Amino acid sequence: MSRAVPRPSASRGVGRDLPRIGVTLGCPCGVGPQVVAQALSDEKLRTAARWVIYGAPEAWRRAGGPLGLKAPLIRALDVATTTAPLSLVPSAPPDERFTPGHPTARADRASARALTDALHAAQAGWIHAVATGPARKASFSRIPGGPWPGHTELFHARLGVSPAPVMLFVASGMRLALHTIHLPLSRVPAAVTVPGLLTTLRTLTGGLRDQLGVKTPSVHVLGLNPHASEGGRIGREDVDVVAPAVAAARAEVLDVEGPFPADGYFARYRERTPPGAVLALYHDQGLGPFKLWERGRGCQMTVGLSVPRASCDHGTAYDVAGTDRVDARSMAAALKLALRLANREREVQG
């Protein structure tokens, strides 16, 4: 289990009037700066928290300037005391320029520095939640302890309080979690074990209840093989592993059902009473249907952290960076989710 870290509290410089939320811009050459700026152009959202932005100043000016958004530069150590509605902790020199759509090693360094500073603030208890913009995978190799497969593994290593992180995707009418994350398909069956699934189900159920306020969190587990193995005729994993894990969870009085055949489950999803969450056993099994369902309006969170973290559900999108074809709905959903999680965290702390 990862070591525990301090939780943010109002007495440590975070005002009780508004939560303080850190936002990383992601790669300064991608759509991150634009989607964050567009999301924060919503005055109702912008005035609901104190937003501490971590990223390259030039990229923020380019994205936020046309929208009238200004954020004074502050030092990383000043996050604990700033009261500005928007502020920026620079991850690159103020005059360093980045070209949309053309990632560089300099951009990777800026992205990595933003993440490192935001994580430090979270560990120090200066912010109530973190929302992350899309970063290039190369930037994670520049963060100590890596290379990291992605944000989820990095944040769990720094802020984890559960044995393993759980990616939970959130949209109107559907919540979808992943048992395995950034894992090659050839390695998925070996990673689906009774103890591992039981750990995921415990973490997921706890997150639904404690972080999202789901009073009776139910989870539907998808099968690994086609038709959930058809009683062992198409593989044994669902019979020998998934079904026993579900039974073990139910023995712990967790509201868990499955395994469900994935194709039929999603084909009939609109007819179902939605569970607290659907648990997919590997990345594309769940995210294909989820993204078709949410159509750009969903986001994700990491369950099992001491400080809440939310994110948009898309990548850097270099092909549209710097154009007017950028869609900020997922990032706006992530900021709203981070705000919701931060407020609930403060309520729980009293």
Protein backbone atom coordinates (compact mmCIF):
# COMPACT_ATOMS: atom_id res chain seq x y z
CA MET A 1 0.00 0.00 0.00
CA SER A 2 1.24 3.50 -0.81
CA ARG A 3 2.16 5.70 2.08
CA ALA A 4 -0.40 8.14 3.40
CA VAL A 5 0.13 11.86 2.86
CA PRO A 6 -1.35 14.90 4.62
CA ARG A 7 -4.87 15.87 3.62
CA PRO A 8 -5.49 19.53 2.75
CA SER A 9 -7.34 21.51 5.36
CA ALA A 10 -8.65 25.02 5.80
CA SER A 11 -6.26 25.64 8.66
CA ARG A 12 -3.25 25.14 6.38
CA GLY A 13 -3.82 28.19 4.19
CA VAL A 14 -6.79 26.99 2.14
CA GLY A 15 -9.64 29.37 2.90
CA ARG A 16 -12.91 27.97 4.18
CA ASP A 17 -14.88 30.25 1.88
CA LEU A 18 -13.74 28.60 -1.36
CA PRO A 19 -11.83 25.42 -2.15
CA ARG A 20 -8.44 25.74 -3.79
CA ILE A 21 -7.97 23.54 -6.84
CA GLY A 22 -4.77 22.95 -8.80
CA VAL A 23 -5.06 22.65 -12.58
CA THR A 24 -2.22 21.41 -14.79
CA LEU A 25 -2.34 22.63 -18.38
CA GLY A 26 -0.74 19.48 -19.77
CA CYS A 27 1.44 19.78 -22.85
CA PRO A 28 1.75 23.47 -23.81
CA CYS A 29 1.70 22.43 -27.49
CA GLY A 30 -1.55 20.48 -27.15
CA VAL A 31 -5.15 21.47 -26.50
CA GLY A 32 -4.71 21.56 -22.71
CA PRO A 33 -4.24 25.32 -22.33
CA GLN A 34 -7.22 26.00 -24.61
CA VAL A 35 -9.65 23.60 -22.96
CA VAL A 36 -8.73 24.82 -19.46
CA ALA A 37 -9.13 28.46 -20.50
CA GLN A 38 -12.42 27.82 -22.27
CA ALA A 39 -13.76 25.90 -19.28
CA LEU A 40 -12.76 28.67 -16.86
CA SER A 41 -14.36 31.32 -19.08
CA ASP A 42 -17.61 30.15 -17.46
CA GLU A 43 -17.95 32.78 -14.74
CA LYS A 44 -20.09 30.57 -12.50
CA LEU A 45 -17.41 27.89 -12.48
CA ARG A 46 -14.51 30.34 -12.28
CA THR A 47 -15.89 32.07 -9.19
CA ALA A 48 -16.72 28.82 -7.36
CA ALA A 49 -13.10 28.13 -6.34
CA ARG A 50 -9.61 29.55 -6.22
CA TRP A 51 -7.94 28.02 -9.28
CA VAL A 52 -4.17 27.54 -9.18
CA ILE A 53 -2.91 26.86 -12.72
CA TYR A 54 0.34 25.00 -13.30
CA GLY A 55 1.86 25.44 -16.74
CA ALA A 56 3.78 27.50 -19.25
CA PRO A 57 2.93 31.23 -19.01
CA GLU A 58 3.11 31.81 -22.78
CA ALA A 59 0.69 28.96 -23.46
CA TRP A 60 -1.74 30.31 -20.86
CA ARG A 61 -1.57 33.85 -22.24
CA ARG A 62 -2.20 32.54 -25.74
CA ALA A 63 -5.23 30.55 -24.61
CA GLY A 64 -6.63 32.77 -21.86
CA GLY A 65 -5.80 36.23 -23.19
CA PRO A 66 -8.49 36.32 -25.91
CA LEU A 67 -11.03 35.25 -23.27
CA GLY A 68 -10.02 38.02 -20.86
CA LEU A 69 -8.55 35.60 -18.34
CA LYS A 70 -5.56 36.84 -16.38
CA ALA A 71 -3.62 34.91 -13.78
CA PRO A 72 -0.78 36.56 -11.82
CA LEU A 73 2.45 34.56 -11.64
CA ILE A 74 3.19 33.16 -8.21
CA ARG A 75 5.92 30.94 -6.80
CA ALA A 76 5.10 27.31 -6.02
CA LEU A 77 5.57 28.09 -2.31
CA ASP A 78 2.99 30.91 -2.49
CA VAL A 79 0.13 28.53 -3.29
CA ALA A 80 -0.56 28.09 0.42
CA THR A 81 -1.37 31.77 0.87
CA THR A 82 -2.63 33.13 -2.46
CA THR A 83 -6.21 34.39 -2.48
CA ALA A 84 -6.40 35.29 -6.18
CA PRO A 85 -9.34 33.76 -8.08
CA LEU A 86 -6.85 32.67 -10.76
CA SER A 87 -3.09 32.35 -10.32
CA LEU A 88 -0.34 30.68 -12.32
CA VAL A 89 2.66 28.71 -11.09
CA PRO A 90 5.02 28.84 -14.09
CA SER A 91 6.54 25.60 -15.36
CA ALA A 92 8.71 27.38 -17.95
CA PRO A 93 10.30 30.85 -18.30
CA PRO A 94 7.64 33.54 -18.99
CA ASP A 95 9.05 34.32 -22.44
CA GLU A 96 9.54 30.71 -23.60
CA ARG A 97 7.31 30.07 -26.60
CA PHE A 98 5.54 26.86 -27.64
CA THR A 99 3.90 26.16 -30.99
CA PRO A 100 0.49 24.46 -30.95
CA GLY A 101 0.58 21.10 -32.66
CA HIS A 102 4.36 20.73 -32.51
CA PRO A 103 5.48 19.01 -29.27
CA THR A 104 9.10 19.28 -28.22
CA ALA A 105 11.38 18.13 -25.44
CA ARG A 106 11.04 21.61 -23.92
CA ALA A 107 7.28 21.14 -23.84
CA ASP A 108 7.72 17.77 -22.13
CA ARG A 109 9.89 19.40 -19.47
CA ALA A 110 7.29 22.11 -18.87
CA SER A 111 4.52 19.54 -18.61
CA ALA A 112 6.53 17.42 -16.17
CA ARG A 113 7.38 20.45 -14.01
CA ALA A 114 3.71 21.44 -13.81
CA LEU A 115 2.77 17.97 -12.61
CA THR A 116 5.62 17.86 -10.10
CA ASP A 117 4.65 21.24 -8.60
CA ALA A 118 0.96 20.33 -8.43
CA LEU A 119 1.74 17.03 -6.72
CA HIS A 120 3.94 18.80 -4.18
CA ALA A 121 1.12 21.22 -3.38
CA ALA A 122 -1.29 18.33 -2.93
CA GLN A 123 1.12 16.47 -0.66
CA ALA A 124 1.70 19.63 1.37
CA GLY A 125 -2.03 20.15 1.89
CA TRP A 126 -2.21 23.47 0.01
CA ILE A 127 -4.96 22.43 -2.41
CA HIS A 128 -8.16 20.43 -2.02
CA ALA A 129 -8.14 18.73 -5.44
CA VAL A 130 -6.20 18.50 -8.70
CA ALA A 131 -7.53 18.57 -12.26
CA THR A 132 -5.11 17.50 -14.99
CA GLY A 133 -4.98 18.55 -18.63
CA PRO A 134 -3.75 16.14 -21.32
CA ALA A 135 0.00 15.49 -21.35
CA ARG A 136 2.23 13.62 -23.79
CA LYS A 137 3.50 10.26 -22.50
CA ALA A 138 7.10 11.37 -23.08
CA SER A 139 6.75 13.96 -20.33
CA PHE A 140 6.21 11.24 -17.71
CA SER A 141 9.71 9.88 -18.31
CA ARG A 142 11.07 13.17 -16.94
CA ILE A 143 9.45 12.75 -13.54
CA PRO A 144 11.52 10.98 -10.84
CA GLY A 145 10.54 7.39 -10.25
CA GLY A 146 9.33 6.87 -13.83
CA PRO A 147 8.82 6.32 -16.58
CA TRP A 148 5.16 6.39 -15.62
CA PRO A 149 2.50 4.91 -17.94
CA GLY A 150 0.22 7.88 -17.25
CA HIS A 151 -1.28 10.30 -14.76
CA THR A 152 -3.13 7.60 -12.83
CA GLU A 153 -0.05 5.59 -11.87
CA LEU A 154 1.96 8.72 -11.06
CA PHE A 155 -0.72 10.19 -8.81
CA HIS A 156 -1.25 6.90 -7.04
CA ALA A 157 2.48 6.59 -6.35
CA ARG A 158 2.50 10.05 -4.76
CA LEU A 159 -0.95 10.26 -3.17
CA GLY A 160 -2.26 6.70 -3.02
CA VAL A 161 -3.98 5.38 0.10
CA SER A 162 -5.41 2.21 -1.51
CA PRO A 163 -3.41 -0.82 -2.69
CA ALA A 164 -4.04 0.05 -6.36
CA PRO A 165 -5.59 2.99 -8.22
CA VAL A 166 -8.95 2.71 -9.96
CA MET A 167 -9.76 4.83 -13.00
CA LEU A 168 -13.43 5.84 -12.83
CA PHE A 169 -15.01 7.56 -15.83
CA VAL A 170 -18.02 9.72 -15.10
CA ALA A 171 -20.78 10.93 -17.43
CA SER A 172 -24.47 11.64 -17.13
CA GLY A 173 -26.14 8.27 -16.64
CA MET A 174 -22.98 6.15 -16.63
CA ARG A 175 -19.96 5.56 -14.42
CA LEU A 176 -17.39 3.14 -15.73
CA ALA A 177 -14.29 1.86 -13.91
CA LEU A 178 -11.29 -0.12 -15.15
CA HIS A 179 -9.68 -3.07 -13.38
CA THR A 180 -6.52 -2.95 -15.52
CA ILE A 181 -5.39 0.36 -16.99
CA HIS A 182 -2.48 0.92 -19.39
CA LEU A 183 -1.68 -2.74 -19.90
CA PRO A 184 -1.06 -4.66 -23.15
CA LEU A 185 -3.97 -6.94 -23.97
CA SER A 186 -1.67 -9.98 -23.87
CA ARG A 187 -1.01 -9.32 -20.16
CA VAL A 188 -4.61 -8.71 -19.10
CA PRO A 189 -5.68 -12.32 -18.30
CA ALA A 190 -2.81 -12.79 -15.85
CA ALA A 191 -3.74 -9.51 -14.15
CA VAL A 192 -7.32 -10.65 -13.54
CA THR A 193 -7.11 -12.52 -10.23
CA VAL A 194 -9.55 -13.08 -7.38
CA PRO A 195 -7.51 -11.02 -4.85
CA GLY A 196 -6.89 -8.26 -7.39
CA LEU A 197 -10.53 -8.01 -8.43
CA LEU A 198 -11.63 -8.00 -4.81
CA THR A 199 -9.25 -5.13 -4.07
CA THR A 200 -10.58 -3.16 -7.03
CA LEU A 201 -14.18 -3.77 -5.96
CA ARG A 202 -13.46 -2.63 -2.40
CA THR A 203 -11.69 0.53 -3.60
CA LEU A 204 -14.35 1.33 -6.19
CA THR A 205 -17.25 0.79 -3.79
CA GLY A 206 -15.58 2.96 -1.17
CA GLY A 207 -14.93 5.73 -3.68
CA LEU A 208 -18.51 5.72 -4.92
CA ARG A 209 -19.75 6.02 -1.36
CA ASP A 210 -17.21 8.36 0.21
CA GLN A 211 -16.21 10.62 -2.69
CA LEU A 212 -19.31 10.70 -4.88
CA GLY A 213 -21.90 10.27 -2.16
CA VAL A 214 -23.59 7.20 -3.67
CA LYS A 215 -25.53 5.85 -0.67
CA THR A 216 -25.87 2.26 -1.88
CA PRO A 217 -23.05 1.77 -4.40
CA SER A 218 -23.70 -1.18 -6.69
CA VAL A 219 -21.20 -2.51 -9.22
CA HIS A 220 -21.78 -4.62 -12.33
CA VAL A 221 -18.68 -6.59 -13.41
CA LEU A 222 -18.14 -7.41 -17.09
CA GLY A 223 -16.81 -10.78 -18.19
CA LEU A 224 -13.33 -11.13 -19.63
CA ASN A 225 -14.14 -13.44 -22.53
CA PRO A 226 -16.85 -13.28 -25.19
CA HIS A 227 -20.25 -14.17 -23.72
CA ALA A 228 -18.60 -14.21 -20.26
CA SER A 229 -16.97 -17.53 -21.26
CA GLU A 230 -20.29 -19.37 -21.85
CA GLY A 231 -19.86 -21.49 -18.75
CA GLY A 232 -16.26 -22.33 -19.61
CA ARG A 233 -16.69 -23.12 -23.29
CA ILE A 234 -14.85 -19.92 -24.31
CA GLY A 235 -12.07 -19.84 -21.73
CA ARG A 236 -12.16 -20.44 -17.99
CA GLU A 237 -11.35 -16.98 -16.55
CA ASP A 238 -14.94 -15.89 -15.93
CA VAL A 239 -15.83 -19.19 -14.28
CA ASP A 240 -12.64 -19.67 -12.27
CA VAL A 241 -11.74 -16.07 -11.42
CA VAL A 242 -14.38 -13.41 -12.07
CA ALA A 243 -17.38 -15.27 -10.64
CA PRO A 244 -15.51 -16.28 -7.44
CA ALA A 245 -14.32 -12.68 -6.99
CA VAL A 246 -17.91 -11.45 -7.28
CA ALA A 247 -19.01 -14.09 -4.76
CA ALA A 248 -16.24 -13.04 -2.36
CA ALA A 249 -17.30 -9.39 -2.67
CA ARG A 250 -20.92 -10.31 -1.97
CA ALA A 251 -19.78 -12.25 1.09
CA GLU A 252 -18.35 -8.93 2.33
CA VAL A 253 -21.84 -7.44 1.83
CA LEU A 254 -20.76 -5.45 -1.23
CA ASP A 255 -23.51 -4.95 -3.82
CA VAL A 256 -21.76 -6.61 -6.76
CA GLU A 257 -23.16 -8.62 -9.68
CA GLY A 258 -21.60 -10.38 -12.66
CA PRO A 259 -19.88 -11.40 -14.77
CA PHE A 260 -22.03 -9.91 -17.54
CA PRO A 261 -21.28 -10.52 -21.24
CA ALA A 262 -19.87 -7.15 -22.32
CA ASP A 263 -21.48 -6.97 -25.75
CA GLY A 264 -25.01 -7.67 -24.58
CA TYR A 265 -24.56 -5.54 -21.47
CA PHE A 266 -23.85 -2.34 -23.36
CA ALA A 267 -26.37 -3.14 -26.07
CA ARG A 268 -29.10 -3.04 -23.40
CA TYR A 269 -27.61 -0.37 -21.15
CA ARG A 270 -30.27 2.25 -21.88
CA GLU A 271 -32.92 -0.22 -20.73
CA ARG A 272 -31.23 -0.84 -17.39
CA THR A 273 -31.45 0.97 -14.09
CA PRO A 274 -27.85 2.27 -14.00
CA PRO A 275 -25.67 0.71 -11.29
CA GLY A 276 -23.32 2.78 -9.19
CA ALA A 277 -20.61 1.81 -11.68
CA VAL A 278 -19.76 -0.73 -14.34
CA LEU A 279 -16.38 -2.44 -13.91
CA ALA A 280 -14.61 -3.28 -17.18
CA LEU A 281 -11.65 -5.63 -16.95
CA TYR A 282 -9.48 -3.87 -19.52
CA HIS A 283 -9.11 -0.46 -21.12
CA ASP A 284 -10.83 -0.72 -24.49
CA GLN A 285 -13.57 -3.06 -23.25
CA GLY A 286 -15.02 -0.19 -21.27
CA LEU A 287 -13.83 3.02 -22.87
CA GLY A 288 -15.17 2.34 -26.35
CA PRO A 289 -18.77 2.10 -25.12
CA PHE A 290 -18.27 4.88 -22.56
CA LYS A 291 -16.99 7.41 -25.09
CA LEU A 292 -19.78 6.51 -27.49
CA TRP A 293 -22.24 7.10 -24.65
CA GLU A 294 -20.86 10.40 -23.33
CA ARG A 295 -19.94 12.00 -26.69
CA GLY A 296 -17.31 14.36 -25.35
CA ARG A 297 -19.09 15.30 -22.13
CA GLY A 298 -17.49 12.82 -19.74
CA CYS A 299 -14.39 12.96 -17.58
CA GLN A 300 -12.52 10.72 -15.19
CA MET A 301 -11.26 10.57 -11.64
CA THR A 302 -8.73 8.43 -9.78
CA VAL A 303 -10.22 6.51 -6.87
CA GLY A 304 -7.94 5.67 -3.97
CA LEU A 305 -6.04 8.93 -3.44
CA SER A 306 -5.67 11.14 -0.38
CA VAL A 307 -6.37 14.25 -2.50
CA PRO A 308 -9.03 14.03 -5.23
CA ARG A 309 -7.88 14.10 -8.85
CA ALA A 310 -10.04 14.54 -11.95
CA SER A 311 -9.13 14.77 -15.63
CA CYS A 312 -10.54 15.19 -19.09
CA ASP A 313 -10.97 11.90 -20.92
CA HIS A 314 -9.01 12.76 -24.07
CA GLY A 315 -5.42 13.30 -25.16
CA THR A 316 -3.33 16.20 -26.39
CA ALA A 317 -5.09 16.37 -29.80
CA TYR A 318 -2.17 18.02 -31.57
CA ASP A 319 -4.09 17.92 -34.86
CA VAL A 320 -6.56 20.58 -33.64
CA ALA A 321 -4.40 22.46 -31.11
CA GLY A 322 -4.44 26.17 -31.79
CA THR A 323 -7.58 25.98 -33.95
CA ASP A 324 -11.21 26.82 -33.29
CA ARG A 325 -12.13 23.12 -33.43
CA VAL A 326 -11.15 22.44 -29.81
CA ASP A 327 -13.91 20.93 -27.65
CA ALA A 328 -13.65 21.93 -23.99
CA ARG A 329 -16.67 20.01 -22.66
CA SER A 330 -14.67 17.16 -21.13
CA MET A 331 -12.26 19.54 -19.38
CA ALA A 332 -15.19 21.59 -18.08
CA ALA A 333 -16.71 18.38 -16.73
CA ALA A 334 -13.37 17.53 -15.07
CA LEU A 335 -13.14 20.94 -13.38
CA LYS A 336 -16.72 20.63 -12.15
CA LEU A 337 -15.99 17.14 -10.84
CA ALA A 338 -12.82 18.35 -9.09
CA LEU A 339 -14.88 21.13 -7.49
CA ARG A 340 -17.53 18.65 -6.38
CA LEU A 341 -14.92 16.30 -4.92
CA ALA A 342 -13.11 19.15 -3.17
CA ASN A 343 -16.31 20.42 -1.57
CA ARG A 344 -17.27 16.94 -0.42
CA GLU A 345 -13.76 16.43 1.00
CA ARG A 346 -14.16 19.60 3.06
CA GLU A 347 -17.59 18.50 4.26
CA VAL A 348 -16.22 15.16 5.41
CA GLN A 349 -13.34 16.88 7.23
CA GLY A 350 -15.77 19.26 8.88
